[in-house]
Structure formats: structure tokens, C-alpha cells
Amino acid sequence: MPKSKIILVLGCLIALLPVLGFPHVWEEFFEIAGGLGIVLLSVMISVDKRLTQKMRAEKRQVHRRTQVDKEVENLSHAEQDQETETLS
């Protein structure tokens, strides 16, 4: 189950706790546990998002570097071809 759906379910359960008829101590425990679960999942989602963005940025940089390297290689080959043509 995706983390966002788990957060939604936990939020709904916390909202329904007062009408479910649990003893007050149990209700407090479930509210605290559910709240901490929501906080933990929210932090995990934001960390995942940052790591994903960082990985994408690194992939883009690697891709750009390989493109630049290929262009430089092509230019150097073209220069070498011109030099051999002028020598011939």
C-alpha cells in the first residue's frame, strides 16, 4: 500500500476514534500511535522525494558529461581527419 494511502487511512481512523467507543486510555494510545505513524510516514515521503530528485539530477549530469565527451571526441576526430587530408 502506498505511503500516502496509509496516511489517509490513519487520519480517518484517528478522526473516528471518539465514536468507536474505546476506553479513554486506549483512545489516547491509538491517537498518539497514529499521529506518530503519520509523522514518520510524512518524513519518509519527503526524504524519498529529495533522494529521488538528487538521483535524477546526478543522472542528468552524467548524461550531459557523456554528451560533451562524445562531442569533444567527434571534434578531435574531425580535426585529425582534416590534418591527414592537408598532409596528403
PDB file of N, CA and C in Angstrom:
ATOM      1  N   MET A   1       0.849  -1.168   0.000  1.00  0.00           N
ATOM      2  CA  MET A   1       0.000   0.000   0.000  1.00  0.00           C
ATOM      3  C   MET A   1       0.902   1.240   0.000  1.00  0.00           C
ATOM      4  N   PRO A   2       0.651   2.184  -0.877  1.00  0.00           N
ATOM      5  CA  PRO A   2       1.470   3.396  -0.914  1.00  0.00           C
ATOM      6  C   PRO A   2       1.380   4.176   0.396  1.00  0.00           C
ATOM      7  N   LYS A   3       2.452   4.885   0.675  1.00  0.00           N
ATOM      8  CA  LYS A   3       2.532   5.620   1.942  1.00  0.00           C
ATOM      9  C   LYS A   3       1.440   6.672   2.063  1.00  0.00           C
ATOM     10  N   SER A   4       1.089   7.308   0.970  1.00  0.00           N
ATOM     11  CA  SER A   4       0.060   8.346   1.030  1.00  0.00           C
ATOM     12  C   SER A   4      -1.300   7.759   1.423  1.00  0.00           C
ATOM     13  N   LYS A   5      -1.595   6.556   0.949  1.00  0.00           N
ATOM     14  CA  LYS A   5      -2.862   5.913   1.324  1.00  0.00           C
ATOM     15  C   LYS A   5      -2.849   5.501   2.795  1.00  0.00           C
ATOM     16  N   ILE A   6      -1.691   5.062   3.282  1.00  0.00           N
ATOM     17  CA  ILE A   6      -1.582   4.698   4.699  1.00  0.00           C
ATOM     18  C   ILE A   6      -1.833   5.926   5.566  1.00  0.00           C
ATOM     19  N   ILE A   7      -1.286   7.063   5.166  1.00  0.00           N
ATOM     20  CA  ILE A   7      -1.516   8.304   5.913  1.00  0.00           C
ATOM     21  C   ILE A   7      -2.992   8.646   5.915  1.00  0.00           C
ATOM     22  N   LEU A   8      -3.652   8.490   4.787  1.00  0.00           N
ATOM     23  CA  LEU A   8      -5.083   8.774   4.698  1.00  0.00           C
ATOM     24  C   LEU A   8      -5.885   7.858   5.623  1.00  0.00           C
ATOM     25  N   VAL A   9      -5.564   6.572   5.630  1.00  0.00           N
ATOM     26  CA  VAL A   9      -6.279   5.610   6.479  1.00  0.00           C
ATOM     27  C   VAL A   9      -6.046   5.931   7.957  1.00  0.00           C
ATOM     28  N   LEU A  10      -4.793   6.223   8.317  1.00  0.00           N
ATOM     29  CA  LEU A  10      -4.501   6.572   9.709  1.00  0.00           C
ATOM     30  C   LEU A  10      -5.257   7.829  10.130  1.00  0.00           C
ATOM     31  N   GLY A  11      -5.299   8.813   9.253  1.00  0.00           N
ATOM     32  CA  GLY A  11      -6.039  10.038   9.556  1.00  0.00           C
ATOM     33  C   GLY A  11      -7.527   9.770   9.772  1.00  0.00           C
ATOM     34  N   CYS A  12      -8.092   8.924   8.925  1.00  0.00           N
ATOM     35  CA  CYS A  12      -9.516   8.576   9.088  1.00  0.00           C
ATOM     36  C   CYS A  12      -9.763   7.824  10.391  1.00  0.00           C
ATOM     37  N   LEU A  13      -8.875   6.894  10.714  1.00  0.00           N
ATOM     38  CA  LEU A  13      -9.032   6.150  11.975  1.00  0.00           C
ATOM     39  C   LEU A  13      -8.938   7.075  13.182  1.00  0.00           C
ATOM     40  N   ILE A  14      -8.009   8.011  13.135  1.00  0.00           N
ATOM     41  CA  ILE A  14      -7.878   8.953  14.252  1.00  0.00           C
ATOM     42  C   ILE A  14      -9.134   9.814  14.364  1.00  0.00           C
ATOM     43  N   ALA A  15      -9.685  10.205  13.219  1.00  0.00           N
ATOM     44  CA  ALA A  15     -10.906  11.012  13.241  1.00  0.00           C
ATOM     45  C   ALA A  15     -12.097  10.212  13.784  1.00  0.00           C
ATOM     46  N   LEU A  16     -12.113   8.896  13.552  1.00  0.00           N
ATOM     47  CA  LEU A  16     -13.231   8.063  14.004  1.00  0.00           C
ATOM     48  C   LEU A  16     -13.075   7.538  15.432  1.00  0.00           C
ATOM     49  N   LEU A  17     -11.916   7.665  16.013  1.00  0.00           N
ATOM     50  CA  LEU A  17     -11.686   7.099  17.352  1.00  0.00           C
ATOM     51  C   LEU A  17     -12.708   7.542  18.405  1.00  0.00           C
ATOM     52  N   PRO A  18     -13.082   8.801  18.466  1.00  0.00           N
ATOM     53  CA  PRO A  18     -14.041   9.191  19.512  1.00  0.00           C
ATOM     54  C   PRO A  18     -15.396   8.489  19.415  1.00  0.00           C
ATOM     55  N   VAL A  19     -15.800   8.097  18.212  1.00  0.00           N
ATOM     56  CA  VAL A  19     -17.126   7.471  18.066  1.00  0.00           C
ATOM     57  C   VAL A  19     -17.071   5.948  18.075  1.00  0.00           C
ATOM     58  N   LEU A  20     -15.867   5.377  18.160  1.00  0.00           N
ATOM     59  CA  LEU A  20     -15.746   3.921  18.143  1.00  0.00           C
ATOM     60  C   LEU A  20     -15.987   3.287  19.517  1.00  0.00           C
ATOM     61  N   GLY A  21     -15.947   4.073  20.569  1.00  0.00           N
ATOM     62  CA  GLY A  21     -16.290   3.569  21.893  1.00  0.00           C
ATOM     63  C   GLY A  21     -15.156   2.888  22.645  1.00  0.00           C
ATOM     64  N   PHE A  22     -13.914   3.176  22.293  1.00  0.00           N
ATOM     65  CA  PHE A  22     -12.797   2.615  23.053  1.00  0.00           C
ATOM     66  C   PHE A  22     -12.683   3.310  24.396  1.00  0.00           C
ATOM     67  N   PRO A  23     -12.125   2.608  25.395  1.00  0.00           N
ATOM     68  CA  PRO A  23     -11.851   3.288  26.671  1.00  0.00           C
ATOM     69  C   PRO A  23     -10.887   4.458  26.436  1.00  0.00           C
ATOM     70  N   HIS A  24     -10.936   5.440  27.311  1.00  0.00           N
ATOM     71  CA  HIS A  24     -10.164   6.672  27.140  1.00  0.00           C
ATOM     72  C   HIS A  24      -8.666   6.401  27.004  1.00  0.00           C
ATOM     73  N   VAL A  25      -8.135   5.484  27.788  1.00  0.00           N
ATOM     74  CA  VAL A  25      -6.694   5.186  27.735  1.00  0.00           C
ATOM     75  C   VAL A  25      -6.328   4.588  26.382  1.00  0.00           C
ATOM     76  N   TRP A  26      -7.136   3.676  25.904  1.00  0.00           N
ATOM     77  CA  TRP A  26      -6.863   3.062  24.598  1.00  0.00           C
ATOM     78  C   TRP A  26      -6.960   4.112  23.496  1.00  0.00           C
ATOM     79  N   GLU A  27      -7.966   4.960  23.608  1.00  0.00           N
ATOM     80  CA  GLU A  27      -8.165   6.008  22.612  1.00  0.00           C
ATOM     81  C   GLU A  27      -6.945   6.928  22.540  1.00  0.00           C
ATOM     82  N   GLU A  28      -6.422   7.316  23.710  1.00  0.00           N
ATOM     83  CA  GLU A  28      -5.216   8.161  23.736  1.00  0.00           C
ATOM     84  C   GLU A  28      -4.030   7.440  23.104  1.00  0.00           C
ATOM     85  N   PHE A  29      -3.894   6.150  23.437  1.00  0.00           N
ATOM     86  CA  PHE A  29      -2.782   5.379  22.872  1.00  0.00           C
ATOM     87  C   PHE A  29      -2.873   5.333  21.348  1.00  0.00           C
ATOM     88  N   PHE A  30      -4.069   5.027  20.812  1.00  0.00           N
ATOM     89  CA  PHE A  30      -4.241   4.943  19.368  1.00  0.00           C
ATOM     90  C   PHE A  30      -4.027   6.297  18.697  1.00  0.00           C
ATOM     91  N   GLU A  31      -4.456   7.370  19.355  1.00  0.00           N
ATOM     92  CA  GLU A  31      -4.241   8.705  18.798  1.00  0.00           C
ATOM     93  C   GLU A  31      -2.752   9.034  18.720  1.00  0.00           C
ATOM     94  N   ILE A  32      -2.033   8.734  19.783  1.00  0.00           N
ATOM     95  CA  ILE A  32      -0.591   9.004  19.801  1.00  0.00           C
ATOM     96  C   ILE A  32       0.134   8.130  18.794  1.00  0.00           C
ATOM     97  N   ALA A  33      -0.189   6.832  18.766  1.00  0.00           N
ATOM     98  CA  ALA A  33       0.468   5.925  17.822  1.00  0.00           C
ATOM     99  C   ALA A  33       0.148   6.313  16.379  1.00  0.00           C
ATOM    100  N   GLY A  34      -1.094   6.631  16.104  1.00  0.00           N
ATOM    101  CA  GLY A  34      -1.483   7.044  14.749  1.00  0.00           C
ATOM    102  C   GLY A  34      -0.827   8.354  14.344  1.00  0.00           C
ATOM    103  N   GLY A  35      -0.778   9.296  15.271  1.00  0.00           N
ATOM    104  CA  GLY A  35      -0.128  10.581  14.984  1.00  0.00           C
ATOM    105  C   GLY A  35       1.350  10.412  14.693  1.00  0.00           C
ATOM    106  N   LEU A  36       2.015   9.591  15.498  1.00  0.00           N
ATOM    107  CA  LEU A  36       3.439   9.335  15.254  1.00  0.00           C
ATOM    108  C   LEU A  36       3.647   8.595  13.938  1.00  0.00           C
ATOM    109  N   GLY A  37       2.732   7.696  13.621  1.00  0.00           N
ATOM    110  CA  GLY A  37       2.816   6.996  12.338  1.00  0.00           C
ATOM    111  C   GLY A  37       2.682   7.956  11.168  1.00  0.00           C
ATOM    112  N   ILE A  38       1.756   8.894  11.275  1.00  0.00           N
ATOM    113  CA  ILE A  38       1.579   9.888  10.212  1.00  0.00           C
ATOM    114  C   ILE A  38       2.834  10.749  10.068  1.00  0.00           C
ATOM    115  N   VAL A  39       3.388  11.172  11.193  1.00  0.00           N
ATOM    116  CA  VAL A  39       4.613  11.980  11.152  1.00  0.00           C
ATOM    117  C   VAL A  39       5.747  11.190  10.516  1.00  0.00           C
ATOM    118  N   LEU A  40       5.932   9.948  10.932  1.00  0.00           N
ATOM    119  CA  LEU A  40       7.008   9.115  10.401  1.00  0.00           C
ATOM    120  C   LEU A  40       6.851   8.906   8.893  1.00  0.00           C
ATOM    121  N   LEU A  41       5.659   8.575   8.454  1.00  0.00           N
ATOM    122  CA  LEU A  41       5.429   8.365   7.029  1.00  0.00           C
ATOM    123  C   LEU A  41       5.626   9.657   6.229  1.00  0.00           C
ATOM    124  N   SER A  42       5.212  10.778   6.791  1.00  0.00           N
ATOM    125  CA  SER A  42       5.405  12.057   6.101  1.00  0.00           C
ATOM    126  C   SER A  42       6.887  12.369   5.932  1.00  0.00           C
ATOM    127  N   VAL A  43       7.666  12.109   6.962  1.00  0.00           N
ATOM    128  CA  VAL A  43       9.111  12.333   6.875  1.00  0.00           C
ATOM    129  C   VAL A  43       9.718  11.395   5.843  1.00  0.00           C
ATOM    130  N   MET A  44       9.301  10.143   5.850  1.00  0.00           N
ATOM    131  CA  MET A  44       9.830   9.180   4.886  1.00  0.00           C
ATOM    132  C   MET A  44       9.506   9.601   3.453  1.00  0.00           C
ATOM    133  N   ILE A  45       8.307  10.117   3.229  1.00  0.00           N
ATOM    134  CA  ILE A  45       7.917  10.571   1.892  1.00  0.00           C
ATOM    135  C   ILE A  45       8.788  11.740   1.447  1.00  0.00           C
ATOM    136  N   SER A  46       9.021  12.695   2.347  1.00  0.00           N
ATOM    137  CA  SER A  46       9.825  13.855   1.957  1.00  0.00           C
ATOM    138  C   SER A  46      11.282  13.459   1.715  1.00  0.00           C
ATOM    139  N   VAL A  47      11.815  12.526   2.510  1.00  0.00           N
ATOM    140  CA  VAL A  47      13.186  12.061   2.293  1.00  0.00           C
ATOM    141  C   VAL A  47      13.287  11.313   0.969  1.00  0.00           C
ATOM    142  N   ASP A  48      12.309  10.452   0.678  1.00  0.00           N
ATOM    143  CA  ASP A  48      12.293   9.733  -0.600  1.00  0.00           C
ATOM    144  C   ASP A  48      12.253  10.700  -1.774  1.00  0.00           C
ATOM    145  N   LYS A  49      11.430  11.740  -1.646  1.00  0.00           N
ATOM    146  CA  LYS A  49      11.301  12.713  -2.717  1.00  0.00           C
ATOM    147  C   LYS A  49      12.631  13.437  -2.953  1.00  0.00           C
ATOM    148  N   ARG A  50      13.300  13.825  -1.866  1.00  0.00           N
ATOM    149  CA  ARG A  50      14.592  14.510  -2.010  1.00  0.00           C
ATOM    150  C   ARG A  50      15.639  13.601  -2.632  1.00  0.00           C
ATOM    151  N   LEU A  51      15.680  12.349  -2.200  1.00  0.00           N
ATOM    152  CA  LEU A  51      16.652  11.418  -2.758  1.00  0.00           C
ATOM    153  C   LEU A  51      16.385  11.159  -4.233  1.00  0.00           C
ATOM    154  N   THR A  52      15.119  11.059  -4.593  1.00  0.00           N
ATOM    155  CA  THR A  52      14.758  10.848  -5.989  1.00  0.00           C
ATOM    156  C   THR A  52      15.182  12.040  -6.841  1.00  0.00           C
ATOM    157  N   GLN A  53      14.940  13.246  -6.343  1.00  0.00           N
ATOM    158  CA  GLN A  53      15.349  14.439  -7.081  1.00  0.00           C
ATOM    159  C   GLN A  53      16.860  14.504  -7.229  1.00  0.00           C
ATOM    160  N   LYS A  54      17.562  14.127  -6.175  1.00  0.00           N
ATOM    161  CA  LYS A  54      19.021  14.141  -6.213  1.00  0.00           C
ATOM    162  C   LYS A  54      19.536  13.126  -7.237  1.00  0.00           C
ATOM    163  N   MET A  55      18.950  11.931  -7.257  1.00  0.00           N
ATOM    164  CA  MET A  55      19.367  10.913  -8.217  1.00  0.00           C
ATOM    165  C   MET A  55      19.113  11.366  -9.648  1.00  0.00           C
ATOM    166  N   ARG A  56      17.960  11.988  -9.880  1.00  0.00           N
ATOM    167  CA  ARG A  56      17.645  12.471 -11.227  1.00  0.00           C
ATOM    168  C   ARG A  56      18.652  13.538 -11.661  1.00  0.00           C
ATOM    169  N   ALA A  57      19.013  14.435 -10.750  1.00  0.00           N
ATOM    170  CA  ALA A  57      19.976  15.484 -11.076  1.00  0.00           C
ATOM    171  C   ALA A  57      21.334  14.876 -11.415  1.00  0.00           C
ATOM    172  N   GLU A  58      21.742  13.867 -10.648  1.00  0.00           N
ATOM    173  CA  GLU A  58      23.019  13.214 -10.922  1.00  0.00           C
ATOM    174  C   GLU A  58      22.986  12.495 -12.268  1.00  0.00           C
ATOM    175  N   LYS A  59      21.874  11.851 -12.598  1.00  0.00           N
ATOM    176  CA  LYS A  59      21.754  11.172 -13.894  1.00  0.00           C
ATOM    177  C   LYS A  59      21.840  12.179 -15.033  1.00  0.00           C
ATOM    178  N   ARG A  60      21.182  13.344 -14.850  1.00  0.00           N
ATOM    179  CA  ARG A  60      21.254  14.369 -15.885  1.00  0.00           C
ATOM    180  C   ARG A  60      22.684  14.857 -16.088  1.00  0.00           C
ATOM    181  N   GLN A  61      23.413  15.042 -14.981  1.00  0.00           N
ATOM    182  CA  GLN A  61      24.802  15.488 -15.087  1.00  0.00           C
ATOM    183  C   GLN A  61      25.660  14.456 -15.799  1.00  0.00           C
ATOM    184  N   VAL A  62      25.468  13.196 -15.467  1.00  0.00           N
ATOM    185  CA  VAL A  62      26.237  12.135 -16.124  1.00  0.00           C
ATOM    186  C   VAL A  62      25.906  12.099 -17.610  1.00  0.00           C
ATOM    187  N   HIS A  63      24.630  12.232 -17.938  1.00  0.00           N
ATOM    188  CA  HIS A  63      24.216  12.220 -19.339  1.00  0.00           C
ATOM    189  C   HIS A  63      24.841  13.395 -20.089  1.00  0.00           C
ATOM    190  N   ARG A  64      24.825  14.573 -19.478  1.00  0.00           N
ATOM    191  CA  ARG A  64      25.431  15.748 -20.114  1.00  0.00           C
ATOM    192  C   ARG A  64      26.920  15.554 -20.311  1.00  0.00           C
ATOM    193  N   ARG A  65      27.585  14.989 -19.308  1.00  0.00           N
ATOM    194  CA  ARG A  65      29.028  14.764 -19.422  1.00  0.00           C
ATOM    195  C   ARG A  65      29.341  13.809 -20.568  1.00  0.00           C
ATOM    196  N   THR A  66      28.558  12.751 -20.692  1.00  0.00           N
ATOM    197  CA  THR A  66      28.815  11.799 -21.778  1.00  0.00           C
ATOM    198  C   THR A  66      28.553  12.456 -23.130  1.00  0.00           C
ATOM    199  N   GLN A  67      27.542  13.309 -23.215  1.00  0.00           N
ATOM    200  CA  GLN A  67      27.278  14.009 -24.465  1.00  0.00           C
ATOM    201  C   GLN A  67      28.433  14.939 -24.818  1.00  0.00           C
ATOM    202  N   VAL A  68      28.928  15.668 -23.830  1.00  0.00           N
ATOM    203  CA  VAL A  68      30.044  16.583 -24.068  1.00  0.00           C
ATOM    204  C   VAL A  68      31.282  15.795 -24.466  1.00  0.00           C
ATOM    205  N   ASP A  69      31.527  14.690 -23.793  1.00  0.00           N
ATOM    206  CA  ASP A  69      32.684  13.859 -24.135  1.00  0.00           C
ATOM    207  C   ASP A  69      32.588  13.350 -25.567  1.00  0.00           C
ATOM    208  N   LYS A  70      31.404  12.930 -25.972  1.00  0.00           N
ATOM    209  CA  LYS A  70      31.213  12.447 -27.340  1.00  0.00           C
ATOM    210  C   LYS A  70      31.446  13.572 -28.348  1.00  0.00           C
ATOM    211  N   GLU A  71      30.944  14.766 -28.045  1.00  0.00           N
ATOM    212  CA  GLU A  71      31.129  15.895 -28.944  1.00  0.00           C
ATOM    213  C   GLU A  71      32.615  16.254 -29.070  1.00  0.00           C
ATOM    214  N   VAL A  72      33.314  16.239 -27.940  1.00  0.00           N
ATOM    215  CA  VAL A  72      34.745  16.537 -27.959  1.00  0.00           C
ATOM    216  C   VAL A  72      35.486  15.474 -28.772  1.00  0.00           C
ATOM    217  N   GLU A  73      35.113  14.244 -28.587  1.00  0.00           N
ATOM    218  CA  GLU A  73      35.752  13.155 -29.323  1.00  0.00           C
ATOM    219  C   GLU A  73      35.496  13.295 -30.824  1.00  0.00           C
ATOM    220  N   ASN A  74      34.259  13.629 -31.177  1.00  0.00           N
ATOM    221  CA  ASN A  74      33.929  13.822 -32.586  1.00  0.00           C
ATOM    222  C   ASN A  74      34.712  14.993 -33.183  1.00  0.00           C
ATOM    223  N   LEU A  75      34.861  16.072 -32.423  1.00  0.00           N
ATOM    224  CA  LEU A  75      35.618  17.220 -32.909  1.00  0.00           C
ATOM    225  C   LEU A  75      37.090  16.874 -33.093  1.00  0.00           C
ATOM    226  N   SER A  76      37.634  16.129 -32.150  1.00  0.00           N
ATOM    227  CA  SER A  76      39.046  15.772 -32.271  1.00  0.00           C
ATOM    228  C   SER A  76      39.267  14.835 -33.456  1.00  0.00           C
ATOM    229  N   HIS A  77      38.323  13.931 -33.699  1.00  0.00           N
ATOM    230  CA  HIS A  77      38.432  13.058 -34.870  1.00  0.00           C
ATOM    231  C   HIS A  77      38.332  13.871 -36.159  1.00  0.00           C
ATOM    232  N   ALA A  78      37.434  14.849 -36.168  1.00  0.00           N
ATOM    233  CA  ALA A  78      37.285  15.690 -37.360  1.00  0.00           C
ATOM    234  C   ALA A  78      38.561  16.489 -37.614  1.00  0.00           C
ATOM    235  N   GLU A  79      39.182  17.005 -36.551  1.00  0.00           N
ATOM    236  CA  GLU A  79      40.431  17.754 -36.693  1.00  0.00           C
ATOM    237  C   GLU A  79      41.548  16.849 -37.208  1.00  0.00           C
ATOM    238  N   GLN A  80      41.602  15.639 -36.701  1.00  0.00           N
ATOM    239  CA  GLN A  80      42.624  14.699 -37.158  1.00  0.00           C
ATOM    240  C   GLN A  80      42.419  14.361 -38.632  1.00  0.00           C
ATOM    241  N   ASP A  81      41.163  14.202 -39.025  1.00  0.00           N
ATOM    242  CA  ASP A  81      40.872  13.899 -40.430  1.00  0.00           C
ATOM    243  C   ASP A  81      41.297  15.064 -41.324  1.00  0.00           C
ATOM    244  N   GLN A  82      41.067  16.291 -40.865  1.00  0.00           N
ATOM    245  CA  GLN A  82      41.463  17.457 -41.650  1.00  0.00           C
ATOM    246  C   GLN A  82      42.975  17.548 -41.765  1.00  0.00           C
ATOM    247  N   GLU A  83      43.685  17.219 -40.683  1.00  0.00           N
ATOM    248  CA  GLU A  83      45.145  17.259 -40.701  1.00  0.00           C
ATOM    249  C   GLU A  83      45.708  16.221 -41.666  1.00  0.00           C
ATOM    250  N   THR A  84      45.113  15.016 -41.661  1.00  0.00           N
ATOM    251  CA  THR A  84      45.599  13.985 -42.579  1.00  0.00           C
ATOM    252  C   THR A  84      45.298  14.352 -44.026  1.00  0.00           C
ATOM    253  N   GLU A  85      44.166  15.040 -44.264  1.00  0.00           N
ATOM    254  CA  GLU A  85      43.832  15.465 -45.613  1.00  0.00           C
ATOM    255  C   GLU A  85      44.789  16.546 -46.097  1.00  0.00           C
ATOM    256  N   THR A  86      45.186  17.444 -45.199  1.00  0.00           N
ATOM    257  CA  THR A  86      46.104  18.518 -45.604  1.00  0.00           C
ATOM    258  C   THR A  86      47.511  17.981 -45.824  1.00  0.00           C
ATOM    259  N   LEU A  87      47.882  16.937 -45.116  1.00  0.00           N
ATOM    260  CA  LEU A  87      49.205  16.337 -45.288  1.00  0.00           C
ATOM    261  C   LEU A  87      49.281  15.513 -46.559  1.00  0.00           C
ATOM    262  N   SER A  88      48.176  14.985 -47.000  1.00  0.00           N
ATOM    263  CA  SER A  88      48.182  14.111 -48.190  1.00  0.00           C
ATOM    264  C   SER A  88      48.347  14.859 -49.471  1.00  0.00           C
TER     265      SER A  88
END
